[in-house]
Amino acid sequence: MRALGLSTCLLLSVAPGIHAQAAPAEKPHWGPAPAVFPMGARMAVVSGDPSKAAVFTVQLAMPSGYKIAPHFHPTDETVEVKKGTLLVGMGDKFDASKAKPMKAGEKTLMAAKAHHFAAAQGATFIQVTAMGPFALTYVNPADDPQKQAVKP
């Protein structure tokens, strides 16, 4: 007998309120990451609903060289590298020399409101489990992709 888990059919909107429509499936459906993330990443909701005040799990796929500027979240989050290498650093400025590599199988707990940044070294897949509703706030508001001017 095959166990069926909850996954997402669609990401219906972008952060700050990521909404998911749950449906039984064997694999999560992937789509573009919400606009709060820099372009190029893909996301899938594995369980829960990131827009609700409850536990959720998402996976994020990032291409090699992908960077997320210093930011923080209102709740703790557990980050597990599923594939590739995630460079993670703490602080208000992106400084690759201060980043520590996390390899596949490694987990870390990012404390609520801790300023951190990340970069993918090679194609990288991570899984994040946290208490919703999901929110990501950039330390420098100019780093928020949602606030950057669209260039023709």
Protein backbone atom coordinates (compact mmCIF):
# COMPACT_ATOMS: atom_id res chain seq x y z
CA MET A 1 0.00 0.00 0.00
CA ARG A 2 1.38 3.39 -0.89
CA ALA A 3 1.06 6.19 1.58
CA LEU A 4 -0.28 9.38 0.15
CA GLY A 5 0.85 12.70 1.59
CA LEU A 6 -0.52 16.18 1.22
CA SER A 7 1.13 18.34 -1.34
CA THR A 8 0.33 21.44 -3.25
CA CYS A 9 -1.38 21.67 -6.59
CA LEU A 10 -0.67 25.35 -6.99
CA LEU A 11 0.90 28.30 -5.31
CA LEU A 12 -2.09 30.59 -5.57
CA SER A 13 -0.37 33.81 -4.59
CA VAL A 14 2.91 35.23 -3.45
CA ALA A 15 4.32 36.20 -0.07
CA PRO A 16 3.54 37.66 2.35
CA GLY A 17 0.62 35.24 2.11
CA ILE A 18 1.62 32.10 0.27
CA HIS A 19 -1.60 30.17 -0.22
CA ALA A 20 -1.71 26.52 -1.11
CA GLN A 21 -4.46 24.23 -2.29
CA ALA A 22 -3.77 20.84 -0.76
CA ALA A 23 -4.56 17.66 -2.67
CA PRO A 24 -3.41 14.08 -2.31
CA ALA A 25 -0.41 13.34 -4.48
CA GLU A 26 2.75 11.32 -4.38
CA LYS A 27 5.05 14.19 -5.30
CA PRO A 28 4.68 17.91 -4.66
CA HIS A 29 3.92 20.13 -7.63
CA TRP A 30 6.66 22.60 -8.40
CA GLY A 31 6.14 26.16 -9.57
CA PRO A 32 8.00 29.45 -9.52
CA ALA A 33 8.94 30.56 -6.01
CA PRO A 34 6.89 33.47 -4.65
CA ALA A 35 7.94 36.97 -5.70
CA VAL A 36 9.61 37.60 -2.33
CA PHE A 37 12.42 35.33 -3.58
CA PRO A 38 14.84 36.38 -6.32
CA MET A 39 13.88 35.05 -9.75
CA GLY A 40 15.14 31.62 -10.71
CA ALA A 41 14.04 29.48 -7.75
CA ARG A 42 11.19 26.98 -7.79
CA MET A 43 9.06 25.98 -4.81
CA ALA A 44 6.73 23.18 -3.79
CA VAL A 45 4.57 22.92 -0.69
CA VAL A 46 5.09 19.47 0.81
CA SER A 47 2.65 19.76 3.71
CA GLY A 48 0.50 22.31 5.45
CA ASP A 49 -0.38 25.75 4.16
CA PRO A 50 2.28 28.47 4.52
CA SER A 51 -0.42 31.16 4.66
CA LYS A 52 -1.96 29.68 7.83
CA ALA A 53 -0.86 29.84 11.48
CA ALA A 54 0.24 26.20 11.50
CA VAL A 55 3.28 24.08 10.72
CA PHE A 56 4.18 23.82 7.03
CA THR A 57 6.97 22.29 4.96
CA VAL A 58 8.17 23.60 1.61
CA GLN A 59 10.98 22.66 -0.72
CA LEU A 60 13.00 25.22 -2.63
CA ALA A 61 15.08 24.40 -5.73
CA MET A 62 17.83 26.90 -6.53
CA PRO A 63 20.14 27.02 -9.54
CA SER A 64 23.89 27.26 -9.07
CA GLY A 65 24.94 30.74 -7.96
CA TYR A 66 21.46 31.66 -6.68
CA LYS A 67 21.63 34.12 -3.77
CA ILE A 68 19.16 35.25 -1.13
CA ALA A 69 20.19 38.58 0.42
CA PRO A 70 20.27 39.02 4.21
CA HIS A 71 16.79 38.53 5.62
CA PHE A 72 14.89 37.18 8.59
CA HIS A 73 11.66 35.40 9.48
CA PRO A 74 9.22 35.93 12.37
CA THR A 75 9.42 32.26 13.46
CA ASP A 76 12.10 29.60 13.83
CA GLU A 77 12.68 27.46 10.76
CA THR A 78 14.42 24.14 10.26
CA VAL A 79 16.41 24.02 7.03
CA GLU A 80 17.57 20.71 5.57
CA VAL A 81 19.70 20.39 2.46
CA LYS A 82 18.27 17.62 0.29
CA LYS A 83 20.73 17.95 -2.62
CA GLY A 84 23.72 20.15 -3.39
CA THR A 85 25.43 22.65 -1.10
CA LEU A 86 23.83 25.64 0.59
CA LEU A 87 26.16 28.37 1.80
CA VAL A 88 24.62 29.99 4.89
CA GLY A 89 25.92 33.05 6.69
CA MET A 90 24.74 35.24 9.52
CA GLY A 91 24.62 39.02 9.52
CA ASP A 92 23.27 42.14 7.86
CA LYS A 93 25.61 42.05 4.82
CA PHE A 94 26.08 39.28 2.27
CA ASP A 95 29.65 38.12 2.88
CA ALA A 96 30.46 34.81 1.19
CA SER A 97 33.69 34.53 3.21
CA LYS A 98 31.57 34.19 6.37
CA ALA A 99 29.20 31.59 4.94
CA LYS A 100 29.39 27.98 6.05
CA PRO A 101 28.61 25.16 3.61
CA MET A 102 25.73 22.82 4.38
CA LYS A 103 25.80 19.57 2.40
CA ALA A 104 23.00 17.15 1.55
CA GLY A 105 21.60 15.57 4.71
CA GLU A 106 22.62 18.43 7.01
CA LYS A 107 20.05 20.42 8.99
CA THR A 108 20.14 23.66 10.92
CA LEU A 109 17.71 25.65 13.01
CA MET A 110 17.45 29.31 12.02
CA ALA A 111 16.15 31.25 15.00
CA ALA A 112 13.29 33.69 14.60
CA LYS A 113 14.49 37.17 13.62
CA ALA A 114 18.08 35.96 13.05
CA HIS A 115 19.59 37.89 10.13
CA HIS A 116 20.98 35.41 7.62
CA PHE A 117 21.77 34.98 3.93
CA ALA A 118 22.23 32.03 1.62
CA ALA A 119 23.66 30.98 -1.73
CA ALA A 120 23.48 27.79 -3.78
CA GLN A 121 26.78 26.17 -4.69
CA GLY A 122 25.69 24.03 -7.61
CA ALA A 123 22.03 23.16 -8.12
CA THR A 124 20.64 22.94 -4.59
CA PHE A 125 17.38 21.67 -3.09
CA ILE A 126 16.40 22.54 0.47
CA GLN A 127 13.44 21.71 2.67
CA VAL A 128 12.15 24.26 5.17
CA THR A 129 9.77 23.48 8.02
CA ALA A 130 8.35 26.35 10.06
CA MET A 131 5.27 27.76 11.73
CA GLY A 132 3.16 29.88 9.41
CA PRO A 133 2.15 32.23 8.21
CA PHE A 134 5.30 32.42 6.10
CA ALA A 135 7.04 35.78 5.99
CA LEU A 136 10.47 36.87 4.77
CA THR A 137 11.75 40.38 5.48
CA TYR A 138 14.92 41.68 3.86
CA VAL A 139 17.35 43.52 6.15
CA ASN A 140 17.85 46.07 3.37
CA PRO A 141 14.43 46.78 1.83
CA ALA A 142 16.14 47.52 -1.52
CA ASP A 143 17.06 43.80 -1.72
CA ASP A 144 13.38 42.78 -1.80
CA PRO A 145 12.66 41.62 -5.38
CA GLN A 146 9.06 42.79 -4.99
CA LYS A 147 10.27 46.37 -4.55
CA GLN A 148 12.75 46.39 -7.41
CA ALA A 149 11.70 48.16 -10.59
CA VAL A 150 10.74 45.94 -13.48
CA LYS A 151 13.16 46.50 -16.33
CA PRO A 152 11.90 46.26 -19.92
